[in-house]
Amino acid sequence: MGVADTENAWAEVTDSKWKPTFERSIVGLTVRFTGTCPRCQHPTVFDVPKVIPGSGTVRGAEEFTMYCQCGHPHKDHPDGDNSCGAYWSYEGDL
């Protein structure tokens, strides 16, 4: 395990000071955000459907919650969850 894995045991936490920067790309009907988790510092990817499911409405600028999907098995993680448990708000264009 790397340093980040042992220092950041799994916890469902957020911090209003986190302002991570993500690269945004379009992958089919999905907007893919690629960047670094502000808590564990592992690379993470977060996908958001470009069309609101069930509505056919294309998303524009909005606020939503992103969460760590780093794929690293942090200490004390729940079964099936390989992340640090962090989440944060994102506001911007999709």
PDB file of N, CA and C in Angstrom:
ATOM      1  N   MET A   1       0.832  -1.197   0.000  1.00  0.00           N
ATOM      2  CA  MET A   1       0.000   0.000   0.000  1.00  0.00           C
ATOM      3  C   MET A   1       0.868   1.249   0.000  1.00  0.00           C
ATOM      4  N   GLY A   2       0.374   2.281  -0.668  1.00  0.00           N
ATOM      5  CA  GLY A   2       1.089   3.540  -0.689  1.00  0.00           C
ATOM      6  C   GLY A   2       0.790   4.360   0.546  1.00  0.00           C
ATOM      7  N   VAL A   3       1.460   5.481   0.665  1.00  0.00           N
ATOM      8  CA  VAL A   3       1.270   6.352   1.823  1.00  0.00           C
ATOM      9  C   VAL A   3      -0.174   6.794   1.953  1.00  0.00           C
ATOM     10  N   ALA A   4      -0.788   7.196   0.837  1.00  0.00           N
ATOM     11  CA  ALA A   4      -2.170   7.684   0.901  1.00  0.00           C
ATOM     12  C   ALA A   4      -3.125   6.620   1.420  1.00  0.00           C
ATOM     13  N   ASP A   5      -2.877   5.338   1.083  1.00  0.00           N
ATOM     14  CA  ASP A   5      -3.759   4.268   1.520  1.00  0.00           C
ATOM     15  C   ASP A   5      -3.767   4.130   3.040  1.00  0.00           C
ATOM     16  N   THR A   6      -2.619   4.233   3.674  1.00  0.00           N
ATOM     17  CA  THR A   6      -2.553   4.037   5.111  1.00  0.00           C
ATOM     18  C   THR A   6      -2.952   5.290   5.877  1.00  0.00           C
ATOM     19  N   GLU A   7      -2.754   6.451   5.305  1.00  0.00           N
ATOM     20  CA  GLU A   7      -3.107   7.691   5.995  1.00  0.00           C
ATOM     21  C   GLU A   7      -4.595   7.997   5.893  1.00  0.00           C
ATOM     22  N   ASN A   8      -5.256   7.495   4.871  1.00  0.00           N
ATOM     23  CA  ASN A   8      -6.667   7.785   4.656  1.00  0.00           C
ATOM     24  C   ASN A   8      -7.487   6.504   4.681  1.00  0.00           C
ATOM     25  N   ALA A   9      -7.782   6.022   5.882  1.00  0.00           N
ATOM     26  CA  ALA A   9      -8.688   4.892   5.993  1.00  0.00           C
ATOM     27  C   ALA A   9     -10.038   5.335   5.437  1.00  0.00           C
ATOM     28  N   TRP A  10     -10.855   4.380   4.978  1.00  0.00           N
ATOM     29  CA  TRP A  10     -12.126   4.707   4.370  1.00  0.00           C
ATOM     30  C   TRP A  10     -13.000   5.480   5.350  1.00  0.00           C
ATOM     31  N   ALA A  11     -13.596   6.552   4.883  1.00  0.00           N
ATOM     32  CA  ALA A  11     -14.543   7.345   5.674  1.00  0.00           C
ATOM     33  C   ALA A  11     -15.406   8.140   4.714  1.00  0.00           C
ATOM     34  N   GLU A  12     -16.698   8.173   4.973  1.00  0.00           N
ATOM     35  CA  GLU A  12     -17.612   8.964   4.147  1.00  0.00           C
ATOM     36  C   GLU A  12     -17.548  10.401   4.644  1.00  0.00           C
ATOM     37  N   VAL A  13     -16.709  11.206   3.999  1.00  0.00           N
ATOM     38  CA  VAL A  13     -16.442  12.567   4.462  1.00  0.00           C
ATOM     39  C   VAL A  13     -16.391  13.544   3.287  1.00  0.00           C
ATOM     40  N   THR A  14     -16.589  14.814   3.620  1.00  0.00           N
ATOM     41  CA  THR A  14     -16.423  15.887   2.651  1.00  0.00           C
ATOM     42  C   THR A  14     -15.817  17.077   3.370  1.00  0.00           C
ATOM     43  N   ASP A  15     -15.365  18.047   2.612  1.00  0.00           N
ATOM     44  CA  ASP A  15     -14.776  19.256   3.182  1.00  0.00           C
ATOM     45  C   ASP A  15     -15.067  20.392   2.200  1.00  0.00           C
ATOM     46  N   SER A  16     -15.716  21.434   2.662  1.00  0.00           N
ATOM     47  CA  SER A  16     -16.078  22.548   1.777  1.00  0.00           C
ATOM     48  C   SER A  16     -14.852  23.250   1.188  1.00  0.00           C
ATOM     49  N   LYS A  17     -13.681  23.022   1.754  1.00  0.00           N
ATOM     50  CA  LYS A  17     -12.451  23.630   1.237  1.00  0.00           C
ATOM     51  C   LYS A  17     -11.920  22.906   0.007  1.00  0.00           C
ATOM     52  N   TRP A  18     -12.387  21.676  -0.229  1.00  0.00           N
ATOM     53  CA  TRP A  18     -11.917  20.930  -1.391  1.00  0.00           C
ATOM     54  C   TRP A  18     -12.449  21.575  -2.659  1.00  0.00           C
ATOM     55  N   LYS A  19     -11.572  21.964  -3.546  1.00  0.00           N
ATOM     56  CA  LYS A  19     -11.926  22.544  -4.844  1.00  0.00           C
ATOM     57  C   LYS A  19     -11.073  21.850  -5.914  1.00  0.00           C
ATOM     58  N   PRO A  20     -11.308  20.545  -6.121  1.00  0.00           N
ATOM     59  CA  PRO A  20     -10.468  19.822  -7.074  1.00  0.00           C
ATOM     60  C   PRO A  20     -10.710  20.269  -8.506  1.00  0.00           C
ATOM     61  N   THR A  21      -9.705  20.080  -9.330  1.00  0.00           N
ATOM     62  CA  THR A  21      -9.780  20.409 -10.745  1.00  0.00           C
ATOM     63  C   THR A  21      -9.830  19.114 -11.534  1.00  0.00           C
ATOM     64  N   PHE A  22     -10.782  19.010 -12.441  1.00  0.00           N
ATOM     65  CA  PHE A  22     -10.937  17.817 -13.255  1.00  0.00           C
ATOM     66  C   PHE A  22     -10.946  18.177 -14.726  1.00  0.00           C
ATOM     67  N   GLU A  23     -10.373  17.286 -15.549  1.00  0.00           N
ATOM     68  CA  GLU A  23     -10.495  17.421 -16.987  1.00  0.00           C
ATOM     69  C   GLU A  23     -11.827  16.808 -17.376  1.00  0.00           C
ATOM     70  N   ARG A  24     -12.492  17.426 -18.311  1.00  0.00           N
ATOM     71  CA  ARG A  24     -13.817  16.995 -18.739  1.00  0.00           C
ATOM     72  C   ARG A  24     -13.736  16.533 -20.180  1.00  0.00           C
ATOM     73  N   SER A  25     -14.321  15.357 -20.465  1.00  0.00           N
ATOM     74  CA  SER A  25     -14.370  14.866 -21.842  1.00  0.00           C
ATOM     75  C   SER A  25     -15.725  14.196 -22.078  1.00  0.00           C
ATOM     76  N   ILE A  26     -16.111  14.120 -23.329  1.00  0.00           N
ATOM     77  CA  ILE A  26     -17.372  13.479 -23.699  1.00  0.00           C
ATOM     78  C   ILE A  26     -17.032  12.081 -24.215  1.00  0.00           C
ATOM     79  N   VAL A  27     -17.691  11.084 -23.627  1.00  0.00           N
ATOM     80  CA  VAL A  27     -17.514   9.693 -24.040  1.00  0.00           C
ATOM     81  C   VAL A  27     -18.914   9.162 -24.359  1.00  0.00           C
ATOM     82  N   GLY A  28     -19.285   9.207 -25.622  1.00  0.00           N
ATOM     83  CA  GLY A  28     -20.639   8.812 -26.010  1.00  0.00           C
ATOM     84  C   GLY A  28     -21.658   9.748 -25.386  1.00  0.00           C
ATOM     85  N   LEU A  29     -22.590   9.209 -24.614  1.00  0.00           N
ATOM     86  CA  LEU A  29     -23.613  10.010 -23.940  1.00  0.00           C
ATOM     87  C   LEU A  29     -23.246  10.289 -22.486  1.00  0.00           C
ATOM     88  N   THR A  30     -21.951  10.214 -22.192  1.00  0.00           N
ATOM     89  CA  THR A  30     -21.456  10.407 -20.825  1.00  0.00           C
ATOM     90  C   THR A  30     -20.438  11.540 -20.792  1.00  0.00           C
ATOM     91  N   VAL A  31     -20.474  12.324 -19.724  1.00  0.00           N
ATOM     92  CA  VAL A  31     -19.428  13.315 -19.476  1.00  0.00           C
ATOM     93  C   VAL A  31     -18.488  12.675 -18.464  1.00  0.00           C
ATOM     94  N   ARG A  32     -17.226  12.555 -18.811  1.00  0.00           N
ATOM     95  CA  ARG A  32     -16.226  11.925 -17.950  1.00  0.00           C
ATOM     96  C   ARG A  32     -15.320  12.989 -17.350  1.00  0.00           C
ATOM     97  N   PHE A  33     -15.228  12.967 -16.028  1.00  0.00           N
ATOM     98  CA  PHE A  33     -14.347  13.864 -15.283  1.00  0.00           C
ATOM     99  C   PHE A  33     -13.154  13.045 -14.793  1.00  0.00           C
ATOM    100  N   THR A  34     -11.953  13.476 -15.116  1.00  0.00           N
ATOM    101  CA  THR A  34     -10.738  12.773 -14.734  1.00  0.00           C
ATOM    102  C   THR A  34      -9.876  13.737 -13.925  1.00  0.00           C
ATOM    103  N   GLY A  35      -9.426  13.282 -12.762  1.00  0.00           N
ATOM    104  CA  GLY A  35      -8.598  14.148 -11.924  1.00  0.00           C
ATOM    105  C   GLY A  35      -8.060  13.402 -10.724  1.00  0.00           C
ATOM    106  N   THR A  36      -7.813  14.137  -9.656  1.00  0.00           N
ATOM    107  CA  THR A  36      -7.225  13.590  -8.439  1.00  0.00           C
ATOM    108  C   THR A  36      -8.187  13.804  -7.282  1.00  0.00           C
ATOM    109  N   CYS A  37      -8.422  12.754  -6.519  1.00  0.00           N
ATOM    110  CA  CYS A  37      -9.278  12.878  -5.342  1.00  0.00           C
ATOM    111  C   CYS A  37      -8.645  13.874  -4.373  1.00  0.00           C
ATOM    112  N   PRO A  38      -9.420  14.839  -3.885  1.00  0.00           N
ATOM    113  CA  PRO A  38      -8.853  15.839  -2.979  1.00  0.00           C
ATOM    114  C   PRO A  38      -8.486  15.278  -1.600  1.00  0.00           C
ATOM    115  N   ARG A  39      -8.962  14.105  -1.259  1.00  0.00           N
ATOM    116  CA  ARG A  39      -8.651  13.515   0.047  1.00  0.00           C
ATOM    117  C   ARG A  39      -7.470  12.549  -0.018  1.00  0.00           C
ATOM    118  N   CYS A  40      -7.584  11.513  -0.872  1.00  0.00           N
ATOM    119  CA  CYS A  40      -6.541  10.483  -0.888  1.00  0.00           C
ATOM    120  C   CYS A  40      -5.450  10.752  -1.920  1.00  0.00           C
ATOM    121  N   GLN A  41      -5.692  11.697  -2.811  1.00  0.00           N
ATOM    122  CA  GLN A  41      -4.736  12.092  -3.848  1.00  0.00           C
ATOM    123  C   GLN A  41      -4.497  11.015  -4.905  1.00  0.00           C
ATOM    124  N   HIS A  42      -5.367  10.014  -4.991  1.00  0.00           N
ATOM    125  CA  HIS A  42      -5.272   9.022  -6.057  1.00  0.00           C
ATOM    126  C   HIS A  42      -6.000   9.536  -7.293  1.00  0.00           C
ATOM    127  N   PRO A  43      -5.566   9.108  -8.478  1.00  0.00           N
ATOM    128  CA  PRO A  43      -6.326   9.435  -9.682  1.00  0.00           C
ATOM    129  C   PRO A  43      -7.727   8.841  -9.575  1.00  0.00           C
ATOM    130  N   THR A  44      -8.723   9.589 -10.043  1.00  0.00           N
ATOM    131  CA  THR A  44     -10.101   9.105  -9.995  1.00  0.00           C
ATOM    132  C   THR A  44     -10.843   9.569 -11.241  1.00  0.00           C
ATOM    133  N   VAL A  45     -11.875   8.821 -11.607  1.00  0.00           N
ATOM    134  CA  VAL A  45     -12.708   9.124 -12.760  1.00  0.00           C
ATOM    135  C   VAL A  45     -14.154   9.097 -12.295  1.00  0.00           C
ATOM    136  N   PHE A  46     -14.940  10.089 -12.735  1.00  0.00           N
ATOM    137  CA  PHE A  46     -16.351  10.155 -12.366  1.00  0.00           C
ATOM    138  C   PHE A  46     -17.158  10.412 -13.626  1.00  0.00           C
ATOM    139  N   ASP A  47     -18.108   9.540 -13.920  1.00  0.00           N
ATOM    140  CA  ASP A  47     -18.943   9.665 -15.113  1.00  0.00           C
ATOM    141  C   ASP A  47     -20.336  10.157 -14.756  1.00  0.00           C
ATOM    142  N   VAL A  48     -20.866  11.058 -15.597  1.00  0.00           N
ATOM    143  CA  VAL A  48     -22.214  11.598 -15.425  1.00  0.00           C
ATOM    144  C   VAL A  48     -22.932  11.472 -16.766  1.00  0.00           C
ATOM    145  N   PRO A  49     -24.158  10.906 -16.779  1.00  0.00           N
ATOM    146  CA  PRO A  49     -24.903  10.845 -18.037  1.00  0.00           C
ATOM    147  C   PRO A  49     -25.152  12.253 -18.580  1.00  0.00           C
ATOM    148  N   LYS A  50     -24.911  12.455 -19.879  1.00  0.00           N
ATOM    149  CA  LYS A  50     -25.136  13.759 -20.507  1.00  0.00           C
ATOM    150  C   LYS A  50     -26.628  14.069 -20.594  1.00  0.00           C
ATOM    151  N   VAL A  51     -27.440  13.028 -20.696  1.00  0.00           N
ATOM    152  CA  VAL A  51     -28.891  13.173 -20.758  1.00  0.00           C
ATOM    153  C   VAL A  51     -29.462  12.717 -19.418  1.00  0.00           C
ATOM    154  N   ILE A  52     -30.370  13.492 -18.857  1.00  0.00           N
ATOM    155  CA  ILE A  52     -30.986  13.121 -17.585  1.00  0.00           C
ATOM    156  C   ILE A  52     -31.790  11.844 -17.801  1.00  0.00           C
ATOM    157  N   PRO A  53     -31.423  10.765 -17.080  1.00  0.00           N
ATOM    158  CA  PRO A  53     -32.106   9.485 -17.287  1.00  0.00           C
ATOM    159  C   PRO A  53     -33.625   9.604 -17.140  1.00  0.00           C
ATOM    160  N   GLY A  54     -34.339   9.013 -18.111  1.00  0.00           N
ATOM    161  CA  GLY A  54     -35.793   8.992 -18.075  1.00  0.00           C
ATOM    162  C   GLY A  54     -36.474  10.245 -18.590  1.00  0.00           C
ATOM    163  N   SER A  55     -35.699  11.283 -18.890  1.00  0.00           N
ATOM    164  CA  SER A  55     -36.340  12.536 -19.314  1.00  0.00           C
ATOM    165  C   SER A  55     -36.027  12.921 -20.750  1.00  0.00           C
ATOM    166  N   GLY A  56     -34.879  12.500 -21.251  1.00  0.00           N
ATOM    167  CA  GLY A  56     -34.459  12.917 -22.581  1.00  0.00           C
ATOM    168  C   GLY A  56     -33.884  14.324 -22.606  1.00  0.00           C
ATOM    169  N   THR A  57     -33.809  14.976 -21.451  1.00  0.00           N
ATOM    170  CA  THR A  57     -33.300  16.343 -21.348  1.00  0.00           C
ATOM    171  C   THR A  57     -31.766  16.329 -21.259  1.00  0.00           C
ATOM    172  N   VAL A  58     -31.127  17.120 -22.114  1.00  0.00           N
ATOM    173  CA  VAL A  58     -29.673  17.244 -22.097  1.00  0.00           C
ATOM    174  C   VAL A  58     -29.282  18.192 -20.974  1.00  0.00           C
ATOM    175  N   ARG A  59     -28.317  17.764 -20.190  1.00  0.00           N
ATOM    176  CA  ARG A  59     -27.870  18.589 -19.062  1.00  0.00           C
ATOM    177  C   ARG A  59     -27.017  19.753 -19.547  1.00  0.00           C
ATOM    178  N   GLY A  60     -27.024  20.823 -18.738  1.00  0.00           N
ATOM    179  CA  GLY A  60     -26.192  21.986 -19.009  1.00  0.00           C
ATOM    180  C   GLY A  60     -25.322  22.249 -17.794  1.00  0.00           C
ATOM    181  N   ALA A  61     -25.313  23.484 -17.327  1.00  0.00           N
ATOM    182  CA  ALA A  61     -24.568  23.826 -16.119  1.00  0.00           C
ATOM    183  C   ALA A  61     -25.418  23.440 -14.915  1.00  0.00           C
ATOM    184  N   GLU A  62     -24.812  22.766 -13.969  1.00  0.00           N
ATOM    185  CA  GLU A  62     -25.537  22.378 -12.768  1.00  0.00           C
ATOM    186  C   GLU A  62     -24.556  21.993 -11.668  1.00  0.00           C
ATOM    187  N   GLU A  63     -25.094  21.812 -10.483  1.00  0.00           N
ATOM    188  CA  GLU A  63     -24.300  21.359  -9.346  1.00  0.00           C
ATOM    189  C   GLU A  63     -24.699  19.925  -9.033  1.00  0.00           C
ATOM    190  N   PHE A  64     -23.727  19.094  -8.767  1.00  0.00           N
ATOM    191  CA  PHE A  64     -23.990  17.715  -8.375  1.00  0.00           C
ATOM    192  C   PHE A  64     -22.858  17.244  -7.478  1.00  0.00           C
ATOM    193  N   THR A  65     -23.049  16.085  -6.872  1.00  0.00           N
ATOM    194  CA  THR A  65     -22.053  15.530  -5.963  1.00  0.00           C
ATOM    195  C   THR A  65     -21.192  14.511  -6.693  1.00  0.00           C
ATOM    196  N   MET A  66     -19.890  14.699  -6.604  1.00  0.00           N
ATOM    197  CA  MET A  66     -18.923  13.739  -7.128  1.00  0.00           C
ATOM    198  C   MET A  66     -18.382  12.960  -5.940  1.00  0.00           C
ATOM    199  N   TYR A  67     -17.880  11.772  -6.204  1.00  0.00           N
ATOM    200  CA  TYR A  67     -17.262  11.022  -5.122  1.00  0.00           C
ATOM    201  C   TYR A  67     -16.056  10.256  -5.646  1.00  0.00           C
ATOM    202  N   CYS A  68     -15.172   9.924  -4.722  1.00  0.00           N
ATOM    203  CA  CYS A  68     -13.939   9.225  -5.067  1.00  0.00           C
ATOM    204  C   CYS A  68     -14.275   7.859  -5.650  1.00  0.00           C
ATOM    205  N   GLN A  69     -13.654   7.557  -6.757  1.00  0.00           N
ATOM    206  CA  GLN A  69     -13.735   6.239  -7.383  1.00  0.00           C
ATOM    207  C   GLN A  69     -12.327   5.818  -7.791  1.00  0.00           C
ATOM    208  N   CYS A  70     -11.386   5.966  -6.849  1.00  0.00           N
ATOM    209  CA  CYS A  70      -9.974   5.758  -7.154  1.00  0.00           C
ATOM    210  C   CYS A  70      -9.594   4.305  -7.414  1.00  0.00           C
ATOM    211  N   GLY A  71     -10.394   3.364  -6.929  1.00  0.00           N
ATOM    212  CA  GLY A  71     -10.087   1.959  -7.153  1.00  0.00           C
ATOM    213  C   GLY A  71      -9.091   1.369  -6.176  1.00  0.00           C
ATOM    214  N   HIS A  72      -8.633   2.153  -5.214  1.00  0.00           N
ATOM    215  CA  HIS A  72      -7.695   1.656  -4.210  1.00  0.00           C
ATOM    216  C   HIS A  72      -8.464   1.138  -2.989  1.00  0.00           C
ATOM    217  N   PRO A  73      -8.114  -0.038  -2.501  1.00  0.00           N
ATOM    218  CA  PRO A  73      -8.807  -0.585  -1.331  1.00  0.00           C
ATOM    219  C   PRO A  73      -8.288   0.049  -0.035  1.00  0.00           C
ATOM    220  N   HIS A  74      -8.838   1.187   0.323  1.00  0.00           N
ATOM    221  CA  HIS A  74      -8.415   1.867   1.548  1.00  0.00           C
ATOM    222  C   HIS A  74      -8.803   1.040   2.763  1.00  0.00           C
ATOM    223  N   LYS A  75      -8.015   1.147   3.806  1.00  0.00           N
ATOM    224  CA  LYS A  75      -8.256   0.425   5.056  1.00  0.00           C
ATOM    225  C   LYS A  75      -9.694   0.668   5.534  1.00  0.00           C
ATOM    226  N   ASP A  76     -10.339  -0.371   6.003  1.00  0.00           N
ATOM    227  CA  ASP A  76     -11.689  -0.316   6.569  1.00  0.00           C
ATOM    228  C   ASP A  76     -12.778  -0.021   5.539  1.00  0.00           C
ATOM    229  N   HIS A  77     -12.492  -0.183   4.246  1.00  0.00           N
ATOM    230  CA  HIS A  77     -13.508   0.094   3.230  1.00  0.00           C
ATOM    231  C   HIS A  77     -14.615  -0.957   3.288  1.00  0.00           C
ATOM    232  N   PRO A  78     -15.850  -0.561   2.997  1.00  0.00           N
ATOM    233  CA  PRO A  78     -16.948  -1.527   2.948  1.00  0.00           C
ATOM    234  C   PRO A  78     -16.743  -2.514   1.792  1.00  0.00           C
ATOM    235  N   ASP A  79     -17.305  -3.685   1.905  1.00  0.00           N
ATOM    236  CA  ASP A  79     -17.220  -4.664   0.819  1.00  0.00           C
ATOM    237  C   ASP A  79     -17.732  -4.047  -0.473  1.00  0.00           C
ATOM    238  N   GLY A  80     -16.973  -4.234  -1.533  1.00  0.00           N
ATOM    239  CA  GLY A  80     -17.385  -3.732  -2.840  1.00  0.00           C
ATOM    240  C   GLY A  80     -17.047  -2.273  -3.095  1.00  0.00           C
ATOM    241  N   ASP A  81     -16.454  -1.583  -2.148  1.00  0.00           N
ATOM    242  CA  ASP A  81     -16.104  -0.169  -2.326  1.00  0.00           C
ATOM    243  C   ASP A  81     -14.595  -0.005  -2.253  1.00  0.00           C
ATOM    244  N   ASN A  82     -13.979   0.262  -3.395  1.00  0.00           N
ATOM    245  CA  ASN A  82     -12.545   0.515  -3.426  1.00  0.00           C
ATOM    246  C   ASN A  82     -12.317   1.997  -3.694  1.00  0.00           C
ATOM    247  N   SER A  83     -12.527   2.784  -2.651  1.00  0.00           N
ATOM    248  CA  SER A  83     -12.302   4.226  -2.697  1.00  0.00           C
ATOM    249  C   SER A  83     -11.956   4.667  -1.285  1.00  0.00           C
ATOM    250  N   CYS A  84     -11.729   5.966  -1.108  1.00  0.00           N
ATOM    251  CA  CYS A  84     -11.464   6.473   0.245  1.00  0.00           C
ATOM    252  C   CYS A  84     -12.749   6.938   0.923  1.00  0.00           C
ATOM    253  N   GLY A  85     -13.872   7.001   0.166  1.00  0.00           N
ATOM    254  CA  GLY A  85     -15.157   7.398   0.726  1.00  0.00           C
ATOM    255  C   GLY A  85     -15.459   8.883   0.630  1.00  0.00           C
ATOM    256  N   ALA A  86     -14.537   9.665   0.095  1.00  0.00           N
ATOM    257  CA  ALA A  86     -14.728  11.120   0.017  1.00  0.00           C
ATOM    258  C   ALA A  86     -15.755  11.500  -1.042  1.00  0.00           C
ATOM    259  N   TYR A  87     -16.444  12.618  -0.803  1.00  0.00           N
ATOM    260  CA  TYR A  87     -17.348  13.189  -1.792  1.00  0.00           C
ATOM    261  C   TYR A  87     -17.268  14.701  -1.699  1.00  0.00           C
ATOM    262  N   TRP A  88     -17.631  15.388  -2.796  1.00  0.00           N
ATOM    263  CA  TRP A  88     -17.534  16.841  -2.848  1.00  0.00           C
ATOM    264  C   TRP A  88     -18.484  17.363  -3.912  1.00  0.00           C
ATOM    265  N   SER A  89     -18.811  18.634  -3.822  1.00  0.00           N
ATOM    266  CA  SER A  89     -19.705  19.281  -4.781  1.00  0.00           C
ATOM    267  C   SER A  89     -18.933  19.716  -6.017  1.00  0.00           C
ATOM    268  N   TYR A  90     -19.612  19.612  -7.153  1.00  0.00           N
ATOM    269  CA  TYR A  90     -19.078  20.125  -8.406  1.00  0.00           C
ATOM    270  C   TYR A  90     -20.148  21.031  -8.994  1.00  0.00           C
ATOM    271  N   GLU A  91     -19.733  22.175  -9.466  1.00  0.00           N
ATOM    272  CA  GLU A  91     -20.660  23.081 -10.135  1.00  0.00           C
ATOM    273  C   GLU A  91     -20.015  23.563 -11.404  1.00  0.00           C
ATOM    274  N   GLY A  92     -20.702  23.362 -12.503  1.00  0.00           N
ATOM    275  CA  GLY A  92     -20.157  23.793 -13.782  1.00  0.00           C
ATOM    276  C   GLY A  92     -20.872  23.151 -14.937  1.00  0.00           C
ATOM    277  N   ASP A  93     -20.301  23.306 -16.112  1.00  0.00           N
ATOM    278  CA  ASP A  93     -20.884  22.771 -17.326  1.00  0.00           C
ATOM    279  C   ASP A  93     -20.674  21.276 -17.426  1.00  0.00           C
ATOM    280  N   LEU A  94     -21.656  20.625 -17.980  1.00  0.00           N
ATOM    281  CA  LEU A  94     -21.524  19.201 -18.293  1.00  0.00           C
ATOM    282  C   LEU A  94     -21.259  19.019 -19.749  1.00  0.00           C
TER     283      LEU A  94
END
